[in-house]
Amino acid sequence: MSIDVDVFIEDLKRENESFFTALPDDATQYWHTGMSRQDAIRALQVRWFNELRGVDIIGRFIGRVPDLTLKVLVGRQVGDEAKHAKVCRRRIEELGASVHDYQPTDEQLAFGDYLDTLIYPEEFFAAQQFTVETQSLKRNERALECFDPVTATMFREHINPDERFHVALGYLGLRTFARTTAAQQRARDAACRVRDIHSRMVFAHRAVEP
């Protein structure tokens, strides 16, 4: 028997928070303080790739969303991801580097591949917007103290506000689609799986920092 959808969402939120707070300190942030220019370039290249691939993956997800209002809102997120990729690339070039020589990690590719396997909308909303975007927002706030002032301003003005909308979209998606026992189980399973996959990606990023 399914539980009230808002109770389910709060339960899943607690599960995500418990997982996040149990991570080692260096896994709860993408970057470290006092980064060099080369550190910043590498970090932004990683972010550029993730944002650019998100355009395609979330764009494909639109076709799996039956609710027209949510289709429009997910479309807005696709536009946000494209904007984020654009500002990251511009900042990389301002720092004297390029995106053309960037090679994604296997963990980055596995993360995106997993999202593409999620057929049901409650799975995708649970994994991407509700779980990953929520945890990413926490890590993004650290960007304001890790990067140089110009890059921090880029995050403050052009990225972080959009991420808050993406988190809210996760809540809305679950309230719309996670209303049956089967749907709630699918959502919980997807969130559990993506927590592990996303954490592996974060560890891989930090392992290859200059």
Protein backbone atom coordinates (compact mmCIF):
# COMPACT_ATOMS: atom_id res chain seq x y z
CA MET A 1 0.00 0.00 0.00
CA SER A 2 1.35 3.41 -0.96
CA ILE A 3 1.88 6.12 1.62
CA ASP A 4 0.89 9.75 1.31
CA VAL A 5 3.11 11.29 -1.35
CA ASP A 6 4.33 14.12 0.88
CA VAL A 7 5.25 11.60 3.60
CA PHE A 8 7.08 9.57 0.97
CA ILE A 9 8.99 12.64 -0.21
CA GLU A 10 10.05 13.51 3.34
CA ASP A 11 11.18 9.92 3.91
CA LEU A 12 13.25 9.97 0.73
CA LYS A 13 14.69 13.35 1.67
CA ARG A 14 15.85 11.92 5.01
CA GLU A 15 17.42 8.94 3.26
CA ASN A 16 19.33 11.27 0.93
CA GLU A 17 20.45 13.50 3.79
CA SER A 18 21.62 10.51 5.81
CA PHE A 19 23.69 9.29 2.87
CA PHE A 20 25.19 12.72 2.21
CA THR A 21 26.14 13.46 5.81
CA ALA A 22 27.80 10.05 6.15
CA LEU A 23 30.18 10.78 3.26
CA PRO A 24 33.80 11.75 3.98
CA ASP A 25 34.29 15.50 4.13
CA ASP A 26 36.09 15.63 0.80
CA ALA A 27 33.14 13.92 -0.89
CA THR A 28 30.65 16.58 0.20
CA GLN A 29 32.30 19.22 -1.96
CA TYR A 30 33.41 19.33 -5.57
CA TRP A 31 36.39 21.61 -5.04
CA HIS A 32 38.94 22.68 -2.45
CA THR A 33 39.82 26.16 -1.27
CA GLY A 34 42.79 28.05 -2.65
CA MET A 35 42.67 26.57 -6.13
CA SER A 36 45.30 27.58 -8.66
CA ARG A 37 44.35 28.79 -12.13
CA GLN A 38 44.98 25.30 -13.51
CA ASP A 39 42.86 23.76 -10.77
CA ALA A 40 40.02 26.11 -11.67
CA ILE A 41 40.33 25.33 -15.37
CA ARG A 42 40.14 21.60 -14.72
CA ALA A 43 37.16 21.99 -12.39
CA LEU A 44 35.31 24.14 -14.92
CA GLN A 45 36.03 21.71 -17.74
CA VAL A 46 34.44 18.95 -15.69
CA ARG A 47 31.45 21.16 -15.02
CA TRP A 48 31.18 22.22 -18.66
CA PHE A 49 30.99 18.61 -19.81
CA ASN A 50 28.38 17.67 -17.22
CA GLU A 51 26.20 20.65 -18.12
CA LEU A 52 26.52 20.04 -21.85
CA ARG A 53 25.67 16.37 -21.54
CA GLY A 54 22.77 17.30 -19.31
CA VAL A 55 21.25 19.21 -22.22
CA ASP A 56 20.97 15.98 -24.21
CA ILE A 57 19.99 13.65 -21.37
CA ILE A 58 17.37 15.90 -19.82
CA GLY A 59 16.20 16.86 -23.30
CA ARG A 60 15.52 13.21 -24.06
CA PHE A 61 13.68 12.90 -20.75
CA ILE A 62 11.11 15.46 -21.90
CA GLY A 63 9.66 12.79 -24.20
CA ARG A 64 9.05 10.53 -21.19
CA VAL A 65 7.07 13.15 -19.24
CA PRO A 66 3.33 12.84 -19.94
CA ASP A 67 2.29 15.97 -18.04
CA LEU A 68 2.38 19.04 -20.29
CA THR A 69 3.16 21.52 -17.51
CA LEU A 70 6.08 19.43 -16.35
CA LYS A 71 7.28 19.06 -19.93
CA VAL A 72 7.55 22.84 -20.11
CA LEU A 73 9.37 23.06 -16.78
CA VAL A 74 11.82 20.32 -17.74
CA GLY A 75 12.36 22.20 -20.99
CA ARG A 76 13.30 25.24 -18.93
CA GLN A 77 15.89 23.12 -17.14
CA VAL A 78 17.35 22.06 -20.47
CA GLY A 79 17.77 25.73 -21.30
CA ASP A 80 19.45 26.30 -17.94
CA GLU A 81 21.92 23.49 -18.56
CA ALA A 82 22.81 24.98 -21.94
CA LYS A 83 23.35 28.39 -20.35
CA HIS A 84 25.56 26.87 -17.67
CA ALA A 85 27.68 25.08 -20.26
CA LYS A 86 28.04 28.35 -22.15
CA VAL A 87 29.16 30.43 -19.16
CA CYS A 88 31.57 27.71 -18.02
CA ARG A 89 33.15 27.55 -21.46
CA ARG A 90 33.45 31.32 -21.60
CA ARG A 91 35.18 31.41 -18.21
CA ILE A 92 37.54 28.58 -19.22
CA GLU A 93 38.54 30.58 -22.28
CA GLU A 94 38.99 33.72 -20.18
CA LEU A 95 41.42 31.73 -18.05
CA GLY A 96 43.41 30.91 -21.18
CA ALA A 97 42.31 27.34 -21.80
CA SER A 98 39.90 25.38 -23.98
CA VAL A 99 37.26 22.69 -23.65
CA HIS A 100 38.45 20.83 -26.73
CA ASP A 101 41.08 18.72 -24.98
CA TYR A 102 38.84 17.63 -22.11
CA GLN A 103 38.31 13.89 -21.73
CA PRO A 104 35.45 12.85 -19.42
CA THR A 105 36.03 10.20 -16.79
CA ASP A 106 34.42 6.80 -17.03
CA GLU A 107 32.38 7.74 -13.96
CA GLN A 108 31.00 10.82 -15.70
CA LEU A 109 29.89 8.74 -18.64
CA ALA A 110 28.37 6.08 -16.37
CA PHE A 111 26.34 8.72 -14.53
CA GLY A 112 24.75 10.05 -17.70
CA ASP A 113 24.24 6.56 -19.10
CA TYR A 114 22.33 5.58 -15.96
CA LEU A 115 19.95 8.54 -16.22
CA ASP A 116 19.20 7.55 -19.80
CA THR A 117 18.00 4.14 -18.60
CA LEU A 118 15.26 5.58 -16.36
CA ILE A 119 11.98 4.97 -18.14
CA TYR A 120 9.45 6.22 -15.62
CA PRO A 121 9.23 9.94 -14.84
CA GLU A 122 9.21 9.35 -11.06
CA GLU A 123 12.55 7.53 -11.42
CA PHE A 124 14.22 10.38 -13.26
CA PHE A 125 12.81 13.12 -11.04
CA ALA A 126 13.88 11.17 -7.93
CA ALA A 127 17.38 10.52 -9.23
CA GLN A 128 18.31 13.68 -11.08
CA GLN A 129 16.39 16.66 -9.74
CA PHE A 130 15.44 15.48 -6.24
CA THR A 131 18.70 13.73 -5.34
CA VAL A 132 21.60 14.88 -7.51
CA GLU A 133 20.52 18.50 -7.90
CA THR A 134 19.88 18.81 -4.16
CA GLN A 135 23.33 17.49 -3.32
CA SER A 136 24.92 19.52 -6.12
CA LEU A 137 23.37 22.69 -4.76
CA LYS A 138 25.11 22.08 -1.43
CA ARG A 139 28.41 21.58 -3.23
CA ASN A 140 27.83 24.56 -5.52
CA GLU A 141 27.54 26.90 -2.56
CA ARG A 142 31.12 25.96 -1.71
CA ALA A 143 32.16 27.31 -5.11
CA LEU A 144 31.69 30.79 -3.71
CA GLU A 145 34.59 30.25 -1.33
CA CYS A 146 36.76 27.96 -3.48
CA PHE A 147 37.07 29.85 -6.77
CA ASP A 148 38.54 33.20 -7.64
CA PRO A 149 36.11 36.15 -7.33
CA VAL A 150 35.18 36.26 -11.03
CA THR A 151 34.38 32.54 -11.20
CA ALA A 152 32.52 32.69 -7.88
CA THR A 153 30.39 35.51 -9.28
CA MET A 154 29.60 33.36 -12.29
CA PHE A 155 28.23 30.66 -9.99
CA ARG A 156 26.38 33.15 -7.81
CA GLU A 157 24.66 34.92 -10.70
CA HIS A 158 24.30 32.36 -13.48
CA ILE A 159 24.27 28.84 -11.98
CA ASN A 160 23.21 28.54 -8.35
CA PRO A 161 19.82 30.30 -8.68
CA ASP A 162 18.85 27.90 -11.49
CA GLU A 163 19.86 24.89 -9.42
CA ARG A 164 17.33 25.89 -6.76
CA PHE A 165 14.62 25.74 -9.41
CA HIS A 166 15.82 22.30 -10.49
CA VAL A 167 15.54 21.04 -6.91
CA ALA A 168 12.00 22.41 -6.68
CA LEU A 169 11.21 20.65 -9.94
CA GLY A 170 12.23 17.36 -8.35
CA TYR A 171 9.69 17.86 -5.58
CA LEU A 172 6.98 18.71 -8.09
CA GLY A 173 7.79 15.71 -10.25
CA LEU A 174 7.56 13.34 -7.31
CA ARG A 175 4.31 14.87 -6.08
CA THR A 176 2.87 14.33 -9.54
CA PHE A 177 4.09 10.82 -10.32
CA ALA A 178 5.12 9.03 -7.09
CA ARG A 179 1.61 8.26 -5.87
CA THR A 180 1.39 4.47 -6.04
CA THR A 181 3.31 1.76 -4.23
CA ALA A 182 5.09 0.73 -7.42
CA ALA A 183 5.95 4.30 -8.38
CA GLN A 184 7.29 5.07 -4.92
CA GLN A 185 9.47 1.97 -4.97
CA ARG A 186 10.82 2.87 -8.40
CA ALA A 187 11.62 6.38 -7.19
CA ARG A 188 13.34 5.11 -4.04
CA ASP A 189 15.39 2.57 -5.99
CA ALA A 190 16.50 5.20 -8.52
CA ALA A 191 17.53 7.64 -5.78
CA CYS A 192 19.48 4.92 -3.98
CA ARG A 193 21.30 3.87 -7.12
CA VAL A 194 22.14 7.36 -8.28
CA ARG A 195 23.56 8.33 -4.88
CA ASP A 196 26.25 5.72 -5.34
CA ILE A 197 26.91 6.53 -9.00
CA HIS A 198 27.10 10.28 -8.37
CA SER A 199 29.44 9.84 -5.40
CA ARG A 200 31.75 7.73 -7.54
CA MET A 201 31.81 10.56 -10.07
CA VAL A 202 32.71 13.11 -7.40
CA PHE A 203 35.54 10.91 -6.11
CA ALA A 204 36.83 10.46 -9.65
CA HIS A 205 36.87 14.21 -10.24
CA ARG A 206 38.85 14.87 -7.11
CA ALA A 207 41.28 12.04 -7.86
CA VAL A 208 42.38 13.69 -11.12
CA GLU A 209 42.69 17.26 -9.85
CA PRO A 210 46.08 18.76 -10.76
